[in-house]
Amino acid sequence: VMTDDENMTVKPYELGVDVAYSRMLSEKFS
């Protein structure tokens, strides 16, 4: 992306990292 003064370009980005734990509480539900 060009900066508004057009002197240089930048590379904006977004990052996400996640972990989860899941468990079956019955034969039909988790």
PDB file of all heavy atoms in Angstrom:
ATOM      1  N   VAL A   1       0.852  -1.188   0.000  1.00  0.00           N
ATOM      2  CA  VAL A   1       0.000   0.000   0.000  1.00  0.00           C
ATOM      3  C   VAL A   1       0.889   1.240   0.000  1.00  0.00           C
ATOM      4  O   VAL A   1       1.827   1.347   0.797  1.00  0.00           O
ATOM      5  CB  VAL A   1      -0.930   0.016   1.228  1.00  0.00           C
ATOM      6  CG1 VAL A   1      -1.800   1.263   1.227  1.00  0.00           C
ATOM      7  CG2 VAL A   1      -1.796  -1.242   1.256  1.00  0.00           C
ATOM      8  N   MET A   2       0.607   2.171  -0.881  1.00  0.00           N
ATOM      9  CA  MET A   2       1.364   3.416  -0.953  1.00  0.00           C
ATOM     10  C   MET A   2       0.939   4.356   0.168  1.00  0.00           C
ATOM     11  O   MET A   2      -0.249   4.524   0.436  1.00  0.00           O
ATOM     12  CB  MET A   2       1.136   4.092  -2.304  1.00  0.00           C
ATOM     13  CG  MET A   2       1.958   5.364  -2.528  1.00  0.00           C
ATOM     14  SD  MET A   2       3.724   5.043  -2.766  1.00  0.00           S
ATOM     15  CE  MET A   2       3.684   4.196  -4.351  1.00  0.00           C
ATOM     16  N   THR A   3       1.911   4.952   0.861  1.00  0.00           N
ATOM     17  CA  THR A   3       1.588   5.926   1.893  1.00  0.00           C
ATOM     18  C   THR A   3       1.007   7.182   1.257  1.00  0.00           C
ATOM     19  O   THR A   3       1.182   7.434   0.058  1.00  0.00           O
ATOM     20  CB  THR A   3       2.846   6.295   2.700  1.00  0.00           C
ATOM     21  OG1 THR A   3       3.825   6.847   1.818  1.00  0.00           O
ATOM     22  CG2 THR A   3       3.411   5.065   3.387  1.00  0.00           C
ATOM     23  N   ASP A   4       0.321   7.996   2.071  1.00  0.00           N
ATOM     24  CA  ASP A   4      -0.377   9.157   1.508  1.00  0.00           C
ATOM     25  C   ASP A   4       0.571  10.227   0.988  1.00  0.00           C
ATOM     26  O   ASP A   4       0.176  11.072   0.187  1.00  0.00           O
ATOM     27  CB  ASP A   4      -1.359   9.753   2.519  1.00  0.00           C
ATOM     28  CG  ASP A   4      -0.738   9.992   3.871  1.00  0.00           C
ATOM     29  OD1 ASP A   4       0.478   9.758   4.006  1.00  0.00           O
ATOM     30  OD2 ASP A   4      -1.455  10.408   4.791  1.00  0.00           O
ATOM     31  N   ASP A   5       1.846  10.207   1.420  1.00  0.00           N
ATOM     32  CA  ASP A   5       2.807  11.141   0.839  1.00  0.00           C
ATOM     33  C   ASP A   5       3.566  10.527  -0.340  1.00  0.00           C
ATOM     34  O   ASP A   5       4.436  11.172  -0.933  1.00  0.00           O
ATOM     35  CB  ASP A   5       3.799  11.627   1.897  1.00  0.00           C
ATOM     36  CG  ASP A   5       4.549  10.481   2.574  1.00  0.00           C
ATOM     37  OD1 ASP A   5       4.436   9.324   2.086  1.00  0.00           O
ATOM     38  OD2 ASP A   5       5.228  10.735   3.572  1.00  0.00           O
ATOM     39  N   GLU A   6       3.237   9.260  -0.668  1.00  0.00           N
ATOM     40  CA  GLU A   6       3.784   8.545  -1.815  1.00  0.00           C
ATOM     41  C   GLU A   6       5.304   8.416  -1.775  1.00  0.00           C
ATOM     42  O   GLU A   6       5.963   8.267  -2.799  1.00  0.00           O
ATOM     43  CB  GLU A   6       3.351   9.215  -3.130  1.00  0.00           C
ATOM     44  CG  GLU A   6       1.839   9.223  -3.325  1.00  0.00           C
ATOM     45  CD  GLU A   6       1.443   9.755  -4.681  1.00  0.00           C
ATOM     46  OE1 GLU A   6       2.333  10.189  -5.437  1.00  0.00           O
ATOM     47  OE2 GLU A   6       0.242   9.718  -4.991  1.00  0.00           O
ATOM     48  N   ASN A   7       5.872   8.451  -0.571  1.00  0.00           N
ATOM     49  CA  ASN A   7       7.313   8.294  -0.438  1.00  0.00           C
ATOM     50  C   ASN A   7       7.741   6.832  -0.364  1.00  0.00           C
ATOM     51  O   ASN A   7       8.887   6.498  -0.673  1.00  0.00           O
ATOM     52  CB  ASN A   7       7.813   9.026   0.815  1.00  0.00           C
ATOM     53  CG  ASN A   7       7.837  10.532   0.618  1.00  0.00           C
ATOM     54  OD1 ASN A   7       7.951  11.007  -0.510  1.00  0.00           O
ATOM     55  ND2 ASN A   7       7.729  11.281   1.706  1.00  0.00           N
ATOM     56  N   MET A   8       6.842   5.972   0.054  1.00  0.00           N
ATOM     57  CA  MET A   8       7.199   4.570   0.202  1.00  0.00           C
ATOM     58  C   MET A   8       5.938   3.718   0.254  1.00  0.00           C
ATOM     59  O   MET A   8       4.824   4.233   0.362  1.00  0.00           O
ATOM     60  CB  MET A   8       8.027   4.366   1.482  1.00  0.00           C
ATOM     61  CG  MET A   8       7.278   4.695   2.769  1.00  0.00           C
ATOM     62  SD  MET A   8       8.245   4.396   4.256  1.00  0.00           S
ATOM     63  CE  MET A   8       8.448   2.619   4.178  1.00  0.00           C
ATOM     64  N   THR A   9       6.133   2.422   0.149  1.00  0.00           N
ATOM     65  CA  THR A   9       5.024   1.475   0.294  1.00  0.00           C
ATOM     66  C   THR A   9       5.179   0.722   1.607  1.00  0.00           C
ATOM     67  O   THR A   9       6.302   0.492   2.080  1.00  0.00           O
ATOM     68  CB  THR A   9       4.993   0.479  -0.873  1.00  0.00           C
ATOM     69  OG1 THR A   9       6.242  -0.229  -0.923  1.00  0.00           O
ATOM     70  CG2 THR A   9       4.753   1.195  -2.185  1.00  0.00           C
ATOM     71  N   VAL A  10       4.063   0.352   2.176  1.00  0.00           N
ATOM     72  CA  VAL A  10       4.052  -0.434   3.405  1.00  0.00           C
ATOM     73  C   VAL A  10       3.258  -1.703   3.142  1.00  0.00           C
ATOM     74  O   VAL A  10       2.519  -1.808   2.165  1.00  0.00           O
ATOM     75  CB  VAL A  10       3.442   0.361   4.582  1.00  0.00           C
ATOM     76  CG1 VAL A  10       4.310   1.555   4.923  1.00  0.00           C
ATOM     77  CG2 VAL A  10       2.019   0.806   4.262  1.00  0.00           C
ATOM     78  N   LYS A  11       3.419  -2.661   4.030  1.00  0.00           N
ATOM     79  CA  LYS A  11       2.745  -3.956   3.883  1.00  0.00           C
ATOM     80  C   LYS A  11       1.939  -4.260   5.141  1.00  0.00           C
ATOM     81  O   LYS A  11       2.395  -4.992   6.018  1.00  0.00           O
ATOM     82  CB  LYS A  11       3.778  -5.058   3.625  1.00  0.00           C
ATOM     83  CG  LYS A  11       4.546  -4.880   2.326  1.00  0.00           C
ATOM     84  CD  LYS A  11       5.541  -6.008   2.120  1.00  0.00           C
ATOM     85  CE  LYS A  11       6.292  -5.848   0.800  1.00  0.00           C
ATOM     86  NZ  LYS A  11       7.271  -6.946   0.585  1.00  0.00           N
ATOM     87  N   PRO A  12       0.730  -3.698   5.243  1.00  0.00           N
ATOM     88  CA  PRO A  12      -0.120  -3.973   6.408  1.00  0.00           C
ATOM     89  C   PRO A  12      -0.547  -5.445   6.431  1.00  0.00           C
ATOM     90  O   PRO A  12      -0.715  -6.078   5.388  1.00  0.00           O
ATOM     91  CB  PRO A  12      -1.322  -3.044   6.201  1.00  0.00           C
ATOM     92  CG  PRO A  12      -0.901  -2.070   5.152  1.00  0.00           C
ATOM     93  CD  PRO A  12       0.087  -2.787   4.299  1.00  0.00           C
ATOM     94  N   TYR A  13      -0.750  -5.960   7.635  1.00  0.00           N
ATOM     95  CA  TYR A  13      -1.210  -7.335   7.753  1.00  0.00           C
ATOM     96  C   TYR A  13      -1.885  -7.539   9.110  1.00  0.00           C
ATOM     97  O   TYR A  13      -1.740  -6.722  10.033  1.00  0.00           O
ATOM     98  CB  TYR A  13      -0.053  -8.322   7.591  1.00  0.00           C
ATOM     99  CG  TYR A  13       0.926  -8.337   8.755  1.00  0.00           C
ATOM    100  CD1 TYR A  13       0.823  -9.265   9.782  1.00  0.00           C
ATOM    101  CD2 TYR A  13       1.964  -7.396   8.834  1.00  0.00           C
ATOM    102  CE1 TYR A  13       1.713  -9.285  10.839  1.00  0.00           C
ATOM    103  CE2 TYR A  13       2.864  -7.407   9.880  1.00  0.00           C
ATOM    104  CZ  TYR A  13       2.734  -8.348  10.889  1.00  0.00           C
ATOM    105  OH  TYR A  13       3.611  -8.350  11.938  1.00  0.00           O
ATOM    106  N   GLU A  14      -2.636  -8.622   9.197  1.00  0.00           N
ATOM    107  CA  GLU A  14      -3.258  -9.041  10.452  1.00  0.00           C
ATOM    108  C   GLU A  14      -2.963 -10.512  10.669  1.00  0.00           C
ATOM    109  O   GLU A  14      -2.871 -11.295   9.715  1.00  0.00           O
ATOM    110  CB  GLU A  14      -4.764  -8.790  10.428  1.00  0.00           C
ATOM    111  CG  GLU A  14      -5.125  -7.316  10.405  1.00  0.00           C
ATOM    112  CD  GLU A  14      -6.613  -7.054  10.418  1.00  0.00           C
ATOM    113  OE1 GLU A  14      -7.401  -7.988  10.137  1.00  0.00           O
ATOM    114  OE2 GLU A  14      -6.993  -5.900  10.707  1.00  0.00           O
ATOM    115  N   LEU A  15      -2.830 -10.880  11.946  1.00  0.00           N
ATOM    116  CA  LEU A  15      -2.445 -12.238  12.306  1.00  0.00           C
ATOM    117  C   LEU A  15      -3.327 -12.719  13.454  1.00  0.00           C
ATOM    118  O   LEU A  15      -3.643 -11.947  14.364  1.00  0.00           O
ATOM    119  CB  LEU A  15      -0.974 -12.264  12.715  1.00  0.00           C
ATOM    120  CG  LEU A  15      -0.382 -13.600  13.176  1.00  0.00           C
ATOM    121  CD1 LEU A  15      -0.228 -14.540  11.992  1.00  0.00           C
ATOM    122  CD2 LEU A  15       0.973 -13.375  13.851  1.00  0.00           C
ATOM    123  N   GLY A  16      -3.723 -13.961  13.407  1.00  0.00           N
ATOM    124  CA  GLY A  16      -4.480 -14.544  14.504  1.00  0.00           C
ATOM    125  C   GLY A  16      -4.038 -15.972  14.757  1.00  0.00           C
ATOM    126  O   GLY A  16      -3.827 -16.742  13.819  1.00  0.00           O
ATOM    127  N   VAL A  17      -3.866 -16.339  16.010  1.00  0.00           N
ATOM    128  CA  VAL A  17      -3.514 -17.709  16.375  1.00  0.00           C
ATOM    129  C   VAL A  17      -4.400 -18.132  17.539  1.00  0.00           C
ATOM    130  O   VAL A  17      -4.662 -17.337  18.455  1.00  0.00           O
ATOM    131  CB  VAL A  17      -2.015 -17.830  16.734  1.00  0.00           C
ATOM    132  CG1 VAL A  17      -1.649 -16.920  17.905  1.00  0.00           C
ATOM    133  CG2 VAL A  17      -1.639 -19.271  17.029  1.00  0.00           C
ATOM    134  N   ASP A  18      -4.908 -19.354  17.498  1.00  0.00           N
ATOM    135  CA  ASP A  18      -5.808 -19.797  18.559  1.00  0.00           C
ATOM    136  C   ASP A  18      -5.628 -21.285  18.834  1.00  0.00           C
ATOM    137  O   ASP A  18      -5.161 -22.052  17.981  1.00  0.00           O
ATOM    138  CB  ASP A  18      -7.274 -19.499  18.203  1.00  0.00           C
ATOM    139  CG  ASP A  18      -7.637 -19.934  16.800  1.00  0.00           C
ATOM    140  OD1 ASP A  18      -7.490 -21.132  16.496  1.00  0.00           O
ATOM    141  OD2 ASP A  18      -8.051 -19.088  15.998  1.00  0.00           O
ATOM    142  N   VAL A  19      -5.986 -21.680  20.032  1.00  0.00           N
ATOM    143  CA  VAL A  19      -5.990 -23.086  20.454  1.00  0.00           C
ATOM    144  C   VAL A  19      -7.326 -23.356  21.122  1.00  0.00           C
ATOM    145  O   VAL A  19      -7.940 -22.452  21.714  1.00  0.00           O
ATOM    146  CB  VAL A  19      -4.827 -23.407  21.418  1.00  0.00           C
ATOM    147  CG1 VAL A  19      -3.485 -23.262  20.714  1.00  0.00           C
ATOM    148  CG2 VAL A  19      -4.875 -22.510  22.654  1.00  0.00           C
ATOM    149  N   ALA A  20      -7.791 -24.600  21.031  1.00  0.00           N
ATOM    150  CA  ALA A  20      -9.090 -24.949  21.605  1.00  0.00           C
ATOM    151  C   ALA A  20      -9.030 -26.328  22.239  1.00  0.00           C
ATOM    152  O   ALA A  20      -8.248 -27.198  21.821  1.00  0.00           O
ATOM    153  CB  ALA A  20     -10.182 -24.906  20.535  1.00  0.00           C
ATOM    154  N   TYR A  21      -9.871 -26.509  23.235  1.00  0.00           N
ATOM    155  CA  TYR A  21     -10.053 -27.818  23.864  1.00  0.00           C
ATOM    156  C   TYR A  21     -11.532 -28.166  23.778  1.00  0.00           C
ATOM    157  O   TYR A  21     -12.397 -27.353  24.147  1.00  0.00           O
ATOM    158  CB  TYR A  21      -9.613 -27.797  25.325  1.00  0.00           C
ATOM    159  CG  TYR A  21      -9.999 -29.051  26.087  1.00  0.00           C
ATOM    160  CD1 TYR A  21      -9.276 -30.227  25.927  1.00  0.00           C
ATOM    161  CD2 TYR A  21     -11.093 -29.059  26.950  1.00  0.00           C
ATOM    162  CE1 TYR A  21      -9.625 -31.381  26.614  1.00  0.00           C
ATOM    163  CE2 TYR A  21     -11.450 -30.201  27.642  1.00  0.00           C
ATOM    164  CZ  TYR A  21     -10.714 -31.367  27.467  1.00  0.00           C
ATOM    165  OH  TYR A  21     -11.070 -32.508  28.139  1.00  0.00           O
ATOM    166  N   SER A  22     -11.833 -29.342  23.279  1.00  0.00           N
ATOM    167  CA  SER A  22     -13.220 -29.788  23.131  1.00  0.00           C
ATOM    168  C   SER A  22     -13.405 -31.144  23.802  1.00  0.00           C
ATOM    169  O   SER A  22     -12.479 -31.966  23.821  1.00  0.00           O
ATOM    170  CB  SER A  22     -13.613 -29.864  21.650  1.00  0.00           C
ATOM    171  OG  SER A  22     -12.684 -30.642  20.916  1.00  0.00           O
ATOM    172  N   ARG A  23     -14.615 -31.360  24.307  1.00  0.00           N
ATOM    173  CA  ARG A  23     -14.892 -32.621  25.006  1.00  0.00           C
ATOM    174  C   ARG A  23     -16.331 -33.060  24.754  1.00  0.00           C
ATOM    175  O   ARG A  23     -17.253 -32.238  24.780  1.00  0.00           O
ATOM    176  CB  ARG A  23     -14.651 -32.477  26.508  1.00  0.00           C
ATOM    177  CG  ARG A  23     -14.824 -33.772  27.285  1.00  0.00           C
ATOM    178  CD  ARG A  23     -14.493 -33.622  28.749  1.00  0.00           C
ATOM    179  NE  ARG A  23     -14.643 -34.885  29.462  1.00  0.00           N
ATOM    180  CZ  ARG A  23     -13.716 -35.825  29.556  1.00  0.00           C
ATOM    181  NH1 ARG A  23     -12.524 -35.621  28.996  1.00  0.00           N
ATOM    182  NH2 ARG A  23     -13.937 -36.951  30.218  1.00  0.00           N
ATOM    183  N   MET A  24     -16.499 -34.345  24.538  1.00  0.00           N
ATOM    184  CA  MET A  24     -17.816 -34.928  24.400  1.00  0.00           C
ATOM    185  C   MET A  24     -18.399 -35.128  25.799  1.00  0.00           C
ATOM    186  O   MET A  24     -17.836 -35.848  26.623  1.00  0.00           O
ATOM    187  CB  MET A  24     -17.724 -36.256  23.651  1.00  0.00           C
ATOM    188  CG  MET A  24     -19.054 -36.811  23.195  1.00  0.00           C
ATOM    189  SD  MET A  24     -18.867 -38.407  22.324  1.00  0.00           S
ATOM    190  CE  MET A  24     -17.901 -37.903  20.905  1.00  0.00           C
ATOM    191  N   LEU A  25     -19.534 -34.479  26.077  1.00  0.00           N
ATOM    192  CA  LEU A  25     -20.159 -34.574  27.391  1.00  0.00           C
ATOM    193  C   LEU A  25     -21.188 -35.688  27.459  1.00  0.00           C
ATOM    194  O   LEU A  25     -21.593 -36.102  28.545  1.00  0.00           O
ATOM    195  CB  LEU A  25     -20.806 -33.239  27.747  1.00  0.00           C
ATOM    196  CG  LEU A  25     -19.842 -32.036  27.761  1.00  0.00           C
ATOM    197  CD1 LEU A  25     -20.594 -30.761  28.092  1.00  0.00           C
ATOM    198  CD2 LEU A  25     -18.699 -32.259  28.736  1.00  0.00           C
ATOM    199  N   SER A  26     -21.646 -36.141  26.317  1.00  0.00           N
ATOM    200  CA  SER A  26     -22.527 -37.298  26.207  1.00  0.00           C
ATOM    201  C   SER A  26     -22.366 -37.860  24.803  1.00  0.00           C
ATOM    202  O   SER A  26     -21.565 -37.348  24.009  1.00  0.00           O
ATOM    203  CB  SER A  26     -23.988 -36.911  26.486  1.00  0.00           C
ATOM    204  OG  SER A  26     -24.522 -36.148  25.408  1.00  0.00           O
ATOM    205  N   GLU A  27     -23.114 -38.892  24.473  1.00  0.00           N
ATOM    206  CA  GLU A  27     -23.011 -39.468  23.138  1.00  0.00           C
ATOM    207  C   GLU A  27     -23.515 -38.519  22.059  1.00  0.00           C
ATOM    208  O   GLU A  27     -23.210 -38.706  20.880  1.00  0.00           O
ATOM    209  CB  GLU A  27     -23.801 -40.773  23.069  1.00  0.00           C
ATOM    210  CG  GLU A  27     -23.221 -41.892  23.920  1.00  0.00           C
ATOM    211  CD  GLU A  27     -24.012 -43.178  23.771  1.00  0.00           C
ATOM    212  OE1 GLU A  27     -25.093 -43.144  23.123  1.00  0.00           O
ATOM    213  OE2 GLU A  27     -23.570 -44.207  24.295  1.00  0.00           O
ATOM    214  N   LYS A  28     -24.278 -37.495  22.464  1.00  0.00           N
ATOM    215  CA  LYS A  28     -24.894 -36.599  21.491  1.00  0.00           C
ATOM    216  C   LYS A  28     -24.464 -35.144  21.629  1.00  0.00           C
ATOM    217  O   LYS A  28     -24.818 -34.322  20.782  1.00  0.00           O
ATOM    218  CB  LYS A  28     -26.425 -36.665  21.611  1.00  0.00           C
ATOM    219  CG  LYS A  28     -26.997 -38.054  21.449  1.00  0.00           C
ATOM    220  CD  LYS A  28     -28.497 -38.066  21.697  1.00  0.00           C
ATOM    221  CE  LYS A  28     -29.073 -39.474  21.585  1.00  0.00           C
ATOM    222  NZ  LYS A  28     -30.529 -39.501  21.861  1.00  0.00           N
ATOM    223  N   PHE A  29     -23.733 -34.817  22.666  1.00  0.00           N
ATOM    224  CA  PHE A  29     -23.462 -33.403  22.956  1.00  0.00           C
ATOM    225  C   PHE A  29     -22.003 -33.192  23.324  1.00  0.00           C
ATOM    226  O   PHE A  29     -21.398 -33.990  24.047  1.00  0.00           O
ATOM    227  CB  PHE A  29     -24.365 -32.931  24.109  1.00  0.00           C
ATOM    228  CG  PHE A  29     -24.246 -31.469  24.416  1.00  0.00           C
ATOM    229  CD1 PHE A  29     -24.870 -30.523  23.617  1.00  0.00           C
ATOM    230  CD2 PHE A  29     -23.500 -31.037  25.505  1.00  0.00           C
ATOM    231  CE1 PHE A  29     -24.772 -29.174  23.900  1.00  0.00           C
ATOM    232  CE2 PHE A  29     -23.386 -29.689  25.797  1.00  0.00           C
ATOM    233  CZ  PHE A  29     -24.029 -28.753  24.991  1.00  0.00           C
ATOM    234  N   SER A  30     -21.434 -32.084  22.824  1.00  0.00           N
ATOM    235  CA  SER A  30     -20.049 -31.729  23.141  1.00  0.00           C
ATOM    236  C   SER A  30     -19.948 -30.221  23.342  1.00  0.00           C
ATOM    237  O   SER A  30     -20.813 -29.453  22.906  1.00  0.00           O
ATOM    238  CB  SER A  30     -19.091 -32.175  22.031  1.00  0.00           C
ATOM    239  OG  SER A  30     -19.412 -31.527  20.814  1.00  0.00           O
TER     240      SER A  30
END
